Amino acid sequence: VSDLKSKAIESGMKKEDLDSLLGAAEAMEANKEMLSELSAAMETMKQFAESKNGITDAEVKQLQEVIDRARQTELSENVPLFKEAIEYLSKVEKQLDIQAQLKSAMEEGTFEALKDALEAAG
């Protein structure tokens, strides 16, 4: 990179313009990496959510942590994949609540508790 900078400056490019261009390229690469991490976290969560065992607090927390890291970058929450991750987090948090309600209803063993849990899930 330093050799490239030297050649660009020698060819007449202003150092400030070059630094700005390199900064933008670094930011784009960081955003690309963050989007890749968000995608992987969502895919992992989808596998857990679709399993017969459901999801756990720890798994939801992992997705939340990736989203929190993404929020600390320059990545806009309006980027479709970022927006999708946020919406998916909300969905799996609801699933976690419903799983807890269903478990509680089955432990209680009453028709009314189970009916309430199923209605909440619907």
Foldseek 3Di string as FASTA:
>chain_A
DVVVLVVCVVVPDDNVVVVVVVVVVVLVVVLVVLLVVLVVLLVVQVVQCPDPVHDDPVSLVVLVVSLVVVVVGPDDCPPVSNVVSVVVSVVSVLVNVLVVQCVVLVVVPDPVSNVVSVVSVD
